[in-house]
Amino acid sequence: MQHYIAARMMATMHVLKARLEDRERGASALEYVGMVLVAAILVAAVVTAAKAADVTGKVGDLIDDIFKGNPPN
């Protein structure tokens, strides 16, 4: 009977130890929301910077210069 109790206690301790060590199994939903939020902020920052710098106008002017044969400045 004592061996059974000791074996049962050891098995329980191993299970508890495994559960405590395996706390970080994967990303939670909150972490995924955080990653999506950071990505959205980065995209918004790049779009805002591109609009402020008028990148499309400058690139269009450079392409026009190339097709007209003028060297870019």
Protein backbone atom coordinates (compact mmCIF):
# COMPACT_ATOMS: atom_id res chain seq x y z
CA MET A 1 0.00 0.00 0.00
CA GLN A 2 2.82 2.42 0.80
CA HIS A 3 4.44 1.83 -2.59
CA TYR A 4 1.15 2.62 -4.32
CA ILE A 5 0.80 5.91 -2.44
CA ALA A 6 4.42 6.85 -3.13
CA ALA A 7 4.06 6.02 -6.82
CA ARG A 8 0.83 7.99 -7.02
CA MET A 9 2.49 11.03 -5.37
CA MET A 10 5.46 10.82 -7.74
CA ALA A 11 3.16 10.65 -10.78
CA THR A 12 1.18 13.64 -9.52
CA MET A 13 4.37 15.62 -8.94
CA HIS A 14 5.60 14.85 -12.47
CA VAL A 15 2.30 15.97 -13.98
CA LEU A 16 2.31 19.20 -11.97
CA LYS A 17 5.92 19.89 -12.88
CA ALA A 18 5.17 19.35 -16.59
CA ARG A 19 2.19 21.70 -16.44
CA LEU A 20 4.18 24.44 -14.72
CA GLU A 21 7.08 24.18 -17.16
CA ASP A 22 4.83 24.27 -20.22
CA ARG A 23 3.25 27.65 -19.50
CA GLU A 24 4.14 29.31 -22.81
CA ARG A 25 2.62 27.04 -25.41
CA GLY A 26 1.70 29.66 -28.00
CA ALA A 27 0.60 33.19 -28.62
CA SER A 28 -2.67 34.29 -27.12
CA ALA A 29 -5.35 36.25 -28.95
CA LEU A 30 -4.23 39.42 -27.20
CA GLU A 31 -0.71 39.03 -28.58
CA TYR A 32 -2.08 38.57 -32.10
CA VAL A 33 -4.20 41.70 -31.73
CA GLY A 34 -1.11 43.59 -30.59
CA MET A 35 0.89 42.44 -33.62
CA VAL A 36 -1.91 43.44 -36.00
CA LEU A 37 -2.19 46.82 -34.29
CA VAL A 38 1.55 47.48 -34.60
CA ALA A 39 1.46 46.48 -38.29
CA ALA A 40 -1.50 48.80 -38.92
CA ILE A 41 0.31 51.70 -37.23
CA LEU A 42 3.41 51.09 -39.36
CA VAL A 43 1.38 50.97 -42.58
CA ALA A 44 -0.44 54.17 -41.63
CA ALA A 45 2.88 55.89 -40.88
CA VAL A 46 4.35 54.87 -44.23
CA VAL A 47 1.25 56.01 -46.13
CA THR A 48 1.21 59.34 -44.30
CA ALA A 49 4.91 59.89 -44.98
CA ALA A 50 4.47 59.00 -48.64
CA LYS A 51 1.60 61.49 -49.02
CA ALA A 52 3.51 64.21 -47.22
CA ALA A 53 6.57 63.75 -49.41
CA ASP A 54 4.53 63.58 -52.66
CA VAL A 55 6.40 60.45 -53.69
CA THR A 56 4.04 59.61 -56.53
CA GLY A 57 4.54 63.02 -58.15
CA LYS A 58 8.31 62.80 -57.91
CA VAL A 59 8.42 59.25 -59.25
CA GLY A 60 6.11 60.24 -62.10
CA ASP A 61 8.36 63.19 -62.98
CA LEU A 62 11.42 60.92 -62.99
CA ILE A 63 9.71 58.41 -65.26
CA ASP A 64 8.66 61.20 -67.63
CA ASP A 65 12.25 62.48 -67.72
CA ILE A 66 13.55 59.00 -68.53
CA PHE A 67 11.09 58.50 -71.41
CA LYS A 68 11.83 62.00 -72.78
CA GLY A 69 15.55 61.25 -72.75
CA ASN A 70 16.43 63.81 -70.10
CA PRO A 71 18.88 62.65 -67.43
CA PRO A 72 17.46 62.65 -63.91
CA ASN A 73 18.59 65.55 -61.72
